[in-house]
Full PDB file with SEQRES, HELIX, SHEET, SSBOND, CRYST1, ORIGX, SCALE, CONECT and MASTER records, all heavy atoms in Angstrom:
SEQRES   1 A   37  ARG LEU GLY LEU ARG ALA ASN ALA GLY GLN PHE ALA LEU          
SEQRES   2 A   37  LEU VAL GLY VAL ASN GLY LEU VAL GLY GLY MET VAL GLY          
SEQRES   3 A   37  GLN GLU ARG THR LEU LEU PRO LEU LEU GLY ARG                  
HELIX    1 AA1 ALA A    8  ARG A   29  1                                  22    
HELIX    2 AA2 LEU A   32  GLY A   36  1                                   5    
CRYST1    1.000    1.000    1.000  90.00  90.00  90.00 P 1           1          
ORIGX1      1.000000  0.000000  0.000000        0.00000                         
ORIGX2      0.000000  1.000000  0.000000        0.00000                         
ORIGX3      0.000000  0.000000  1.000000        0.00000                         
SCALE1      1.000000  0.000000  0.000000        0.00000                         
SCALE2      0.000000  1.000000  0.000000        0.00000                         
SCALE3      0.000000  0.000000  1.000000        0.00000                         
ATOM      1  N   ARG A   1      86.435 115.266 101.725  1.00  0.00           N  
ATOM      2  CA  ARG A   1      85.948 115.867 100.492  1.00  0.00           C  
ATOM      3  C   ARG A   1      85.057 114.876  99.758  1.00  0.00           C  
ATOM      4  O   ARG A   1      85.400 113.690  99.618  1.00  0.00           O  
ATOM      5  CB  ARG A   1      87.120 116.278  99.600  1.00  0.00           C  
ATOM      6  CG  ARG A   1      87.997 117.377 100.188  1.00  0.00           C  
ATOM      7  CD  ARG A   1      89.206 117.625  99.307  1.00  0.00           C  
ATOM      8  NE  ARG A   1      88.805 118.038  97.961  1.00  0.00           N  
ATOM      9  CZ  ARG A   1      89.600 117.954  96.889  1.00  0.00           C  
ATOM     10  NH1 ARG A   1      90.821 117.447  97.027  1.00  0.00           N  
ATOM     11  NH2 ARG A   1      89.177 118.361  95.707  1.00  0.00           N  
ATOM     12  N   LEU A   2      83.905 115.350  99.290  1.00  0.00           N  
ATOM     13  CA  LEU A   2      82.978 114.516  98.539  1.00  0.00           C  
ATOM     14  C   LEU A   2      83.236 114.688  97.046  1.00  0.00           C  
ATOM     15  O   LEU A   2      83.718 115.726  96.594  1.00  0.00           O  
ATOM     16  CB  LEU A   2      81.534 114.896  98.859  1.00  0.00           C  
ATOM     17  CG  LEU A   2      81.114 114.813 100.330  1.00  0.00           C  
ATOM     18  CD1 LEU A   2      79.681 115.275 100.496  1.00  0.00           C  
ATOM     19  CD2 LEU A   2      81.283 113.399 100.868  1.00  0.00           C  
ATOM     20  N   GLY A   3      82.901 113.670  96.285  1.00  0.00           N  
ATOM     21  CA  GLY A   3      83.014 113.752  94.836  1.00  0.00           C  
ATOM     22  C   GLY A   3      83.842 112.618  94.262  1.00  0.00           C  
ATOM     23  O   GLY A   3      84.751 112.101  94.919  1.00  0.00           O  
ATOM     24  N   LEU A   4      83.533 112.265  93.031  1.00  0.00           N  
ATOM     25  CA  LEU A   4      84.225 111.154  92.384  1.00  0.00           C  
ATOM     26  C   LEU A   4      85.697 111.476  92.138  1.00  0.00           C  
ATOM     27  O   LEU A   4      86.578 110.652  92.398  1.00  0.00           O  
ATOM     28  CB  LEU A   4      83.517 110.825  91.064  1.00  0.00           C  
ATOM     29  CG  LEU A   4      84.041 109.628  90.280  1.00  0.00           C  
ATOM     30  CD1 LEU A   4      84.047 108.371  91.139  1.00  0.00           C  
ATOM     31  CD2 LEU A   4      83.192 109.421  89.032  1.00  0.00           C  
ATOM     32  N   ARG A   5      85.978 112.677  91.652  1.00  0.00           N  
ATOM     33  CA  ARG A   5      87.369 113.028  91.360  1.00  0.00           C  
ATOM     34  C   ARG A   5      88.205 113.093  92.632  1.00  0.00           C  
ATOM     35  O   ARG A   5      89.349 112.629  92.655  1.00  0.00           O  
ATOM     36  CB  ARG A   5      87.402 114.362  90.618  1.00  0.00           C  
ATOM     37  CG  ARG A   5      88.796 114.795  90.211  1.00  0.00           C  
ATOM     38  CD  ARG A   5      88.756 116.016  89.313  1.00  0.00           C  
ATOM     39  NE  ARG A   5      88.048 115.728  88.074  1.00  0.00           N  
ATOM     40  CZ  ARG A   5      87.830 116.625  87.122  1.00  0.00           C  
ATOM     41  NH1 ARG A   5      88.251 117.883  87.287  1.00  0.00           N  
ATOM     42  NH2 ARG A   5      87.201 116.293  86.021  1.00  0.00           N  
ATOM     43  N   ALA A   6      87.647 113.663  93.692  1.00  0.00           N  
ATOM     44  CA  ALA A   6      88.398 113.808  94.937  1.00  0.00           C  
ATOM     45  C   ALA A   6      88.708 112.465  95.587  1.00  0.00           C  
ATOM     46  O   ALA A   6      89.644 112.352  96.375  1.00  0.00           O  
ATOM     47  CB  ALA A   6      87.619 114.690  95.917  1.00  0.00           C  
ATOM     48  N   ASN A   7      87.921 111.442  95.272  1.00  0.00           N  
ATOM     49  CA  ASN A   7      88.078 110.132  95.907  1.00  0.00           C  
ATOM     50  C   ASN A   7      88.320 109.029  94.875  1.00  0.00           C  
ATOM     51  O   ASN A   7      87.962 107.868  95.091  1.00  0.00           O  
ATOM     52  CB  ASN A   7      86.820 109.804  96.723  1.00  0.00           C  
ATOM     53  CG  ASN A   7      86.591 110.786  97.856  1.00  0.00           C  
ATOM     54  OD1 ASN A   7      87.267 110.752  98.869  1.00  0.00           O  
ATOM     55  ND2 ASN A   7      85.629 111.691  97.669  1.00  0.00           N  
ATOM     56  N   ALA A   8      88.940 109.398  93.754  1.00  0.00           N  
ATOM     57  CA  ALA A   8      89.070 108.471  92.630  1.00  0.00           C  
ATOM     58  C   ALA A   8      89.813 107.188  93.012  1.00  0.00           C  
ATOM     59  O   ALA A   8      89.426 106.091  92.586  1.00  0.00           O  
ATOM     60  CB  ALA A   8      89.781 109.161  91.466  1.00  0.00           C  
ATOM     61  N   GLY A   9      90.868 107.295  93.806  1.00  0.00           N  
ATOM     62  CA  GLY A   9      91.645 106.116  94.158  1.00  0.00           C  
ATOM     63  C   GLY A   9      90.857 105.102  94.953  1.00  0.00           C  
ATOM     64  O   GLY A   9      90.816 103.914  94.615  1.00  0.00           O  
ATOM     65  N   GLN A  10      90.224 105.558  96.039  1.00  0.00           N  
ATOM     66  CA  GLN A  10      89.418 104.647  96.847  1.00  0.00           C  
ATOM     67  C   GLN A  10      88.210 104.132  96.069  1.00  0.00           C  
ATOM     68  O   GLN A  10      87.831 102.968  96.195  1.00  0.00           O  
ATOM     69  CB  GLN A  10      88.951 105.349  98.118  1.00  0.00           C  
ATOM     70  CG  GLN A  10      89.940 105.296  99.256  1.00  0.00           C  
ATOM     71  CD  GLN A  10      90.153 103.888  99.798  1.00  0.00           C  
ATOM     72  OE1 GLN A  10      89.251 103.260 100.329  1.00  0.00           O  
ATOM     73  NE2 GLN A  10      91.379 103.392  99.658  1.00  0.00           N  
ATOM     74  N   PHE A  11      87.612 104.998  95.263  1.00  0.00           N  
ATOM     75  CA  PHE A  11      86.456 104.576  94.481  1.00  0.00           C  
ATOM     76  C   PHE A  11      86.848 103.447  93.534  1.00  0.00           C  
ATOM     77  O   PHE A  11      86.161 102.415  93.454  1.00  0.00           O  
ATOM     78  CB  PHE A  11      85.891 105.759  93.696  1.00  0.00           C  
ATOM     79  CG  PHE A  11      84.593 105.462  93.003  1.00  0.00           C  
ATOM     80  CD1 PHE A  11      83.386 105.723  93.627  1.00  0.00           C  
ATOM     81  CD2 PHE A  11      84.575 104.920  91.729  1.00  0.00           C  
ATOM     82  CE1 PHE A  11      82.184 105.435  93.000  1.00  0.00           C  
ATOM     83  CE2 PHE A  11      83.379 104.627  91.094  1.00  0.00           C  
ATOM     84  CZ  PHE A  11      82.180 104.895  91.730  1.00  0.00           C  
ATOM     85  N   ALA A  12      87.959 103.616  92.811  1.00  0.00           N  
ATOM     86  CA  ALA A  12      88.408 102.583  91.886  1.00  0.00           C  
ATOM     87  C   ALA A  12      88.742 101.285  92.623  1.00  0.00           C  
ATOM     88  O   ALA A  12      88.448 100.182  92.137  1.00  0.00           O  
ATOM     89  CB  ALA A  12      89.622 103.079  91.103  1.00  0.00           C  
ATOM     90  N   LEU A  13      89.356 101.409  93.790  1.00  0.00           N  
ATOM     91  CA  LEU A  13      89.671 100.222  94.584  1.00  0.00           C  
ATOM     92  C   LEU A  13      88.399  99.475  94.965  1.00  0.00           C  
ATOM     93  O   LEU A  13      88.330  98.237  94.870  1.00  0.00           O  
ATOM     94  CB  LEU A  13      90.443 100.632  95.833  1.00  0.00           C  
ATOM     95  CG  LEU A  13      90.880  99.497  96.770  1.00  0.00           C  
ATOM     96  CD1 LEU A  13      91.870  98.581  96.076  1.00  0.00           C  
ATOM     97  CD2 LEU A  13      91.486 100.073  98.040  1.00  0.00           C  
ATOM     98  N   LEU A  14      87.371 100.204  95.380  1.00  0.00           N  
ATOM     99  CA  LEU A  14      86.113  99.575  95.771  1.00  0.00           C  
ATOM    100  C   LEU A  14      85.393  98.952  94.581  1.00  0.00           C  
ATOM    101  O   LEU A  14      84.685  97.951  94.729  1.00  0.00           O  
ATOM    102  CB  LEU A  14      85.216 100.598  96.471  1.00  0.00           C  
ATOM    103  CG  LEU A  14      85.674 100.977  97.888  1.00  0.00           C  
ATOM    104  CD1 LEU A  14      84.948 102.230  98.360  1.00  0.00           C  
ATOM    105  CD2 LEU A  14      85.425  99.825  98.859  1.00  0.00           C  
ATOM    106  N   VAL A  15      85.533  99.546  93.394  1.00  0.00           N  
ATOM    107  CA  VAL A  15      84.998  98.912  92.188  1.00  0.00           C  
ATOM    108  C   VAL A  15      85.648  97.546  91.996  1.00  0.00           C  
ATOM    109  O   VAL A  15      84.980  96.537  91.726  1.00  0.00           O  
ATOM    110  CB  VAL A  15      85.225  99.809  90.956  1.00  0.00           C  
ATOM    111  CG1 VAL A  15      84.928  99.040  89.658  1.00  0.00           C  
ATOM    112  CG2 VAL A  15      84.335 101.051  91.016  1.00  0.00           C  
ATOM    113  N   GLY A  16      86.971  97.485  92.154  1.00  0.00           N  
ATOM    114  CA  GLY A  16      87.665  96.212  92.039  1.00  0.00           C  
ATOM    115  C   GLY A  16      87.246  95.210  93.098  1.00  0.00           C  
ATOM    116  O   GLY A  16      87.074  94.014  92.806  1.00  0.00           O  
ATOM    117  N   VAL A  17      87.070  95.683  94.324  1.00  0.00           N  
ATOM    118  CA  VAL A  17      86.629  94.792  95.405  1.00  0.00           C  
ATOM    119  C   VAL A  17      85.268  94.194  95.081  1.00  0.00           C  
ATOM    120  O   VAL A  17      85.023  92.998  95.274  1.00  0.00           O  
ATOM    121  CB  VAL A  17      86.603  95.545  96.750  1.00  0.00           C  
ATOM    122  CG1 VAL A  17      85.890  94.725  97.821  1.00  0.00           C  
ATOM    123  CG2 VAL A  17      88.023  95.867  97.209  1.00  0.00           C  
ATOM    124  N   ASN A  18      84.359  95.025  94.542  1.00  0.00           N  
ATOM    125  CA  ASN A  18      83.035  94.474  94.237  1.00  0.00           C  
ATOM    126  C   ASN A  18      83.076  93.517  93.052  1.00  0.00           C  
ATOM    127  O   ASN A  18      82.232  92.632  92.938  1.00  0.00           O  
ATOM    128  CB  ASN A  18      82.022  95.588  93.976  1.00  0.00           C  
ATOM    129  CG  ASN A  18      80.619  95.115  94.289  1.00  0.00           C  
ATOM    130  OD1 ASN A  18      80.359  94.591  95.369  1.00  0.00           O  
ATOM    131  ND2 ASN A  18      79.710  95.266  93.338  1.00  0.00           N  
ATOM    132  N   GLY A  19      84.074  93.681  92.174  1.00  0.00           N  
ATOM    133  CA  GLY A  19      84.264  92.664  91.153  1.00  0.00           C  
ATOM    134  C   GLY A  19      84.582  91.305  91.761  1.00  0.00           C  
ATOM    135  O   GLY A  19      84.062  90.266  91.330  1.00  0.00           O  
ATOM    136  N   LEU A  20      85.409  91.289  92.793  1.00  0.00           N  
ATOM    137  CA  LEU A  20      85.713  90.039  93.487  1.00  0.00           C  
ATOM    138  C   LEU A  20      84.487  89.482  94.204  1.00  0.00           C  
ATOM    139  O   LEU A  20      84.269  88.264  94.236  1.00  0.00           O  
ATOM    140  CB  LEU A  20      86.848  90.264  94.486  1.00  0.00           C  
ATOM    141  CG  LEU A  20      88.197  90.664  93.879  1.00  0.00           C  
ATOM    142  CD1 LEU A  20      89.167  91.095  94.968  1.00  0.00           C  
ATOM    143  CD2 LEU A  20      88.786  89.516  93.064  1.00  0.00           C  
ATOM    144  N   VAL A  21      83.659  90.380  94.767  1.00  0.00           N  
ATOM    145  CA  VAL A  21      82.407  89.948  95.403  1.00  0.00           C  
ATOM    146  C   VAL A  21      81.524  89.246  94.365  1.00  0.00           C  
ATOM    147  O   VAL A  21      80.965  88.173  94.609  1.00  0.00           O  
ATOM    148  CB  VAL A  21      81.666  91.152  96.018  1.00  0.00           C  
ATOM    149  CG1 VAL A  21      80.307  90.716  96.569  1.00  0.00           C  
ATOM    150  CG2 VAL A  21      82.493  91.782  97.139  1.00  0.00           C  
ATOM    151  N   GLY A  22      81.397  89.854  93.187  1.00  0.00           N  
ATOM    152  CA  GLY A  22      80.601  89.235  92.134  1.00  0.00           C  
ATOM    153  C   GLY A  22      81.160  87.901  91.679  1.00  0.00           C  
ATOM    154  O   GLY A  22      80.410  86.969  91.372  1.00  0.00           O  
ATOM    155  N   GLY A  23      82.484  87.792  91.626  1.00  0.00           N  
ATOM    156  CA  GLY A  23      83.090  86.539  91.223  1.00  0.00           C  
ATOM    157  C   GLY A  23      82.743  85.379  92.140  1.00  0.00           C  
ATOM    158  O   GLY A  23      82.641  84.226  91.699  1.00  0.00           O  
ATOM    159  N   MET A  24      82.527  85.669  93.421  1.00  0.00           N  
ATOM    160  CA  MET A  24      82.131  84.609  94.359  1.00  0.00           C  
ATOM    161  C   MET A  24      80.766  84.016  94.008  1.00  0.00           C  
ATOM    162  O   MET A  24      80.519  82.832  94.219  1.00  0.00           O  
ATOM    163  CB  MET A  24      82.111  85.159  95.792  1.00  0.00           C  
ATOM    164  CG  MET A  24      83.472  85.534  96.349  1.00  0.00           C  
ATOM    165  SD  MET A  24      84.632  84.147  96.424  1.00  0.00           S  
ATOM    166  CE  MET A  24      83.836  83.080  97.631  1.00  0.00           C  
ATOM    167  N   VAL A  25      79.867  84.838  93.467  1.00  0.00           N  
ATOM    168  CA  VAL A  25      78.578  84.325  92.988  1.00  0.00           C  
ATOM    169  C   VAL A  25      78.748  83.656  91.630  1.00  0.00           C  
ATOM    170  O   VAL A  25      78.158  82.605  91.359  1.00  0.00           O  
ATOM    171  CB  VAL A  25      77.544  85.466  92.906  1.00  0.00           C  
ATOM    172  CG1 VAL A  25      76.245  84.983  92.273  1.00  0.00           C  
ATOM    173  CG2 VAL A  25      77.265  86.037  94.287  1.00  0.00           C  
ATOM    174  N   GLY A  26      79.574  84.262  90.768  1.00  0.00           N  
ATOM    175  CA  GLY A  26      79.750  83.741  89.425  1.00  0.00           C  
ATOM    176  C   GLY A  26      80.275  82.314  89.383  1.00  0.00           C  
ATOM    177  O   GLY A  26      79.966  81.568  88.447  1.00  0.00           O  
ATOM    178  N   GLN A  27      81.046  81.898  90.382  1.00  0.00           N  
ATOM    179  CA  GLN A  27      81.568  80.532  90.383  1.00  0.00           C  
ATOM    180  C   GLN A  27      80.455  79.496  90.433  1.00  0.00           C  
ATOM    181  O   GLN A  27      80.655  78.342  90.035  1.00  0.00           O  
ATOM    182  CB  GLN A  27      82.526  80.330  91.570  1.00  0.00           C  
ATOM    183  CG  GLN A  27      81.841  80.355  92.920  1.00  0.00           C  
ATOM    184  CD  GLN A  27      82.790  80.161  94.085  1.00  0.00           C  
ATOM    185  OE1 GLN A  27      83.735  79.374  94.017  1.00  0.00           O  
ATOM    186  NE2 GLN A  27      82.557  80.895  95.162  1.00  0.00           N  
ATOM    187  N   GLU A  28      79.248  79.896  90.888  1.00  0.00           N  
ATOM    188  CA  GLU A  28      78.138  78.952  91.009  1.00  0.00           C  
ATOM    189  C   GLU A  28      77.140  79.025  89.853  1.00  0.00           C  
ATOM    190  O   GLU A  28      76.339  78.112  89.687  1.00  0.00           O  
ATOM    191  CB  GLU A  28      77.363  79.221  92.308  1.00  0.00           C  
ATOM    192  CG  GLU A  28      78.140  78.969  93.569  1.00  0.00           C  
ATOM    193  CD  GLU A  28      77.238  78.999  94.805  1.00  0.00           C  
ATOM    194  OE1 GLU A  28      76.031  79.306  94.667  1.00  0.00           O  
ATOM    195  OE2 GLU A  28      77.750  78.711  95.888  1.00  0.00           O  
ATOM    196  N   ARG A  29      77.132  80.120  89.082  1.00  0.00           N  
ATOM    197  CA  ARG A  29      76.008  80.410  88.203  1.00  0.00           C  
ATOM    198  C   ARG A  29      75.757  79.331  87.159  1.00  0.00           C  
ATOM    199  O   ARG A  29      74.606  79.002  86.878  1.00  0.00           O  
ATOM    200  CB  ARG A  29      76.242  81.738  87.487  1.00  0.00           C  
ATOM    201  CG  ARG A  29      76.283  82.942  88.374  1.00  0.00           C  
ATOM    202  CD  ARG A  29      74.954  83.340  88.909  1.00  0.00           C  
ATOM    203  NE  ARG A  29      74.057  83.849  87.908  1.00  0.00           N  
ATOM    204  CZ  ARG A  29      73.113  84.763  88.156  1.00  0.00           C  
ATOM    205  NH1 ARG A  29      72.977  85.264  89.361  1.00  0.00           N  
ATOM    206  NH2 ARG A  29      72.314  85.153  87.215  1.00  0.00           N  
ATOM    207  N   THR A  30      76.787  78.805  86.564  1.00  0.00           N  
ATOM    208  CA  THR A  30      76.600  77.782  85.544  1.00  0.00           C  
ATOM    209  C   THR A  30      76.493  76.390  86.148  1.00  0.00           C  
ATOM    210  O   THR A  30      75.705  75.551  85.685  1.00  0.00           O  
ATOM    211  CB  THR A  30      77.785  77.803  84.554  1.00  0.00           C  
ATOM    212  OG1 THR A  30      77.844  79.081  83.927  1.00  0.00           O  
ATOM    213  CG2 THR A  30      77.636  76.731  83.488  1.00  0.00           C  
ATOM    214  N   LEU A  31      77.242  76.131  87.214  1.00  0.00           N  
ATOM    215  CA  LEU A  31      77.527  74.754  87.604  1.00  0.00           C  
ATOM    216  C   LEU A  31      76.642  74.169  88.684  1.00  0.00           C  
ATOM    217  O   LEU A  31      76.411  72.959  88.699  1.00  0.00           O  
ATOM    218  CB  LEU A  31      78.991  74.653  88.054  1.00  0.00           C  
ATOM    219  CG  LEU A  31      80.045  75.078  87.033  1.00  0.00           C  
ATOM    220  CD1 LEU A  31      81.424  74.835  87.585  1.00  0.00           C  
ATOM    221  CD2 LEU A  31      79.855  74.351  85.712  1.00  0.00           C  
ATOM    222  N   LEU A  32      76.164  74.981  89.628  1.00  0.00           N  
ATOM    223  CA  LEU A  32      75.529  74.381  90.794  1.00  0.00           C  
ATOM    224  C   LEU A  32      74.259  73.583  90.464  1.00  0.00           C  
ATOM    225  O   LEU A  32      74.087  72.475  90.978  1.00  0.00           O  
ATOM    226  CB  LEU A  32      75.248  75.449  91.858  1.00  0.00           C  
ATOM    227  CG  LEU A  32      75.735  75.068  93.267  1.00  0.00           C  
ATOM    228  CD1 LEU A  32      77.191  74.677  93.264  1.00  0.00           C  
ATOM    229  CD2 LEU A  32      75.500  76.211  94.236  1.00  0.00           C  
ATOM    230  N   PRO A  33      73.346  74.095  89.624  1.00  0.00           N  
ATOM    231  CA  PRO A  33      72.188  73.252  89.278  1.00  0.00           C  
ATOM    232  C   PRO A  33      72.600  71.950  88.591  1.00  0.00           C  
ATOM    233  O   PRO A  33      72.001  70.892  88.845  1.00  0.00           O  
ATOM    234  CB  PRO A  33      71.371  74.152  88.338  1.00  0.00           C  
ATOM    235  CG  PRO A  33      71.782  75.541  88.675  1.00  0.00           C  
ATOM    236  CD  PRO A  33      73.234  75.439  89.036  1.00  0.00           C  
ATOM    237  N   LEU A  34      73.619  72.017  87.730  1.00  0.00           N  
ATOM    238  CA  LEU A  34      74.090  70.812  87.044  1.00  0.00           C  
ATOM    239  C   LEU A  34      74.789  69.871  88.011  1.00  0.00           C  
ATOM    240  O   LEU A  34      74.699  68.647  87.882  1.00  0.00           O  
ATOM    241  CB  LEU A  34      75.035  71.203  85.907  1.00  0.00           C  
ATOM    242  CG  LEU A  34      74.462  72.164  84.859  1.00  0.00           C  
ATOM    243  CD1 LEU A  34      75.520  72.486  83.812  1.00  0.00           C  
ATOM    244  CD2 LEU A  34      73.215  71.594  84.222  1.00  0.00           C  
ATOM    245  N   LEU A  35      75.485  70.427  89.006  1.00  0.00           N  
ATOM    246  CA  LEU A  35      76.140  69.610  90.019  1.00  0.00           C  
ATOM    247  C   LEU A  35      75.093  68.826  90.819  1.00  0.00           C  
ATOM    248  O   LEU A  35      75.291  67.643  91.129  1.00  0.00           O  
ATOM    249  CB  LEU A  35      76.961  70.508  90.946  1.00  0.00           C  
ATOM    250  CG  LEU A  35      77.946  69.841  91.900  1.00  0.00           C  
ATOM    251  CD1 LEU A  35      79.058  69.152  91.136  1.00  0.00           C  
ATOM    252  CD2 LEU A  35      78.537  70.882  92.852  1.00  0.00           C  
ATOM    253  N   GLY A  36      73.993  69.494  91.167  1.00  0.00           N  
ATOM    254  CA  GLY A  36      72.932  68.798  91.885  1.00  0.00           C  
ATOM    255  C   GLY A  36      72.380  67.634  91.094  1.00  0.00           C  
ATOM    256  O   GLY A  36      72.133  66.544  91.642  1.00  0.00           O  
ATOM    257  N   ARG A  37      72.181  67.840  89.800  1.00  0.00           N  
ATOM    258  CA  ARG A  37      71.633  66.771  88.959  1.00  0.00           C  
ATOM    259  C   ARG A  37      72.634  65.641  88.736  1.00  0.00           C  
ATOM    260  O   ARG A  37      72.297  64.452  88.873  1.00  0.00           O  
ATOM    261  CB  ARG A  37      71.216  67.368  87.607  1.00  0.00           C  
ATOM    262  CG  ARG A  37      70.524  66.391  86.671  1.00  0.00           C  
ATOM    263  CD  ARG A  37      70.453  66.954  85.257  1.00  0.00           C  
ATOM    264  NE  ARG A  37      71.795  67.104  84.670  1.00  0.00           N  
ATOM    265  CZ  ARG A  37      72.017  67.570  83.449  1.00  0.00           C  
ATOM    266  NH1 ARG A  37      71.006  67.961  82.692  1.00  0.00           N  
ATOM    267  NH2 ARG A  37      73.262  67.676  82.983  1.00  0.00           N  
TER     268      ARG A  37                                                      
MASTER        0    0    0    2    0    0    0    6  267    1    0    3          
END                                                                             
């Protein structure tokens, strides 16, 4: 079945997973240029 309501559980889980994906980039955003210097 297609649709946001029909797949709400998996959709919400994947939103959370992509938050973790973003966090892997976020760990570098402030620090890496300063670490190099």
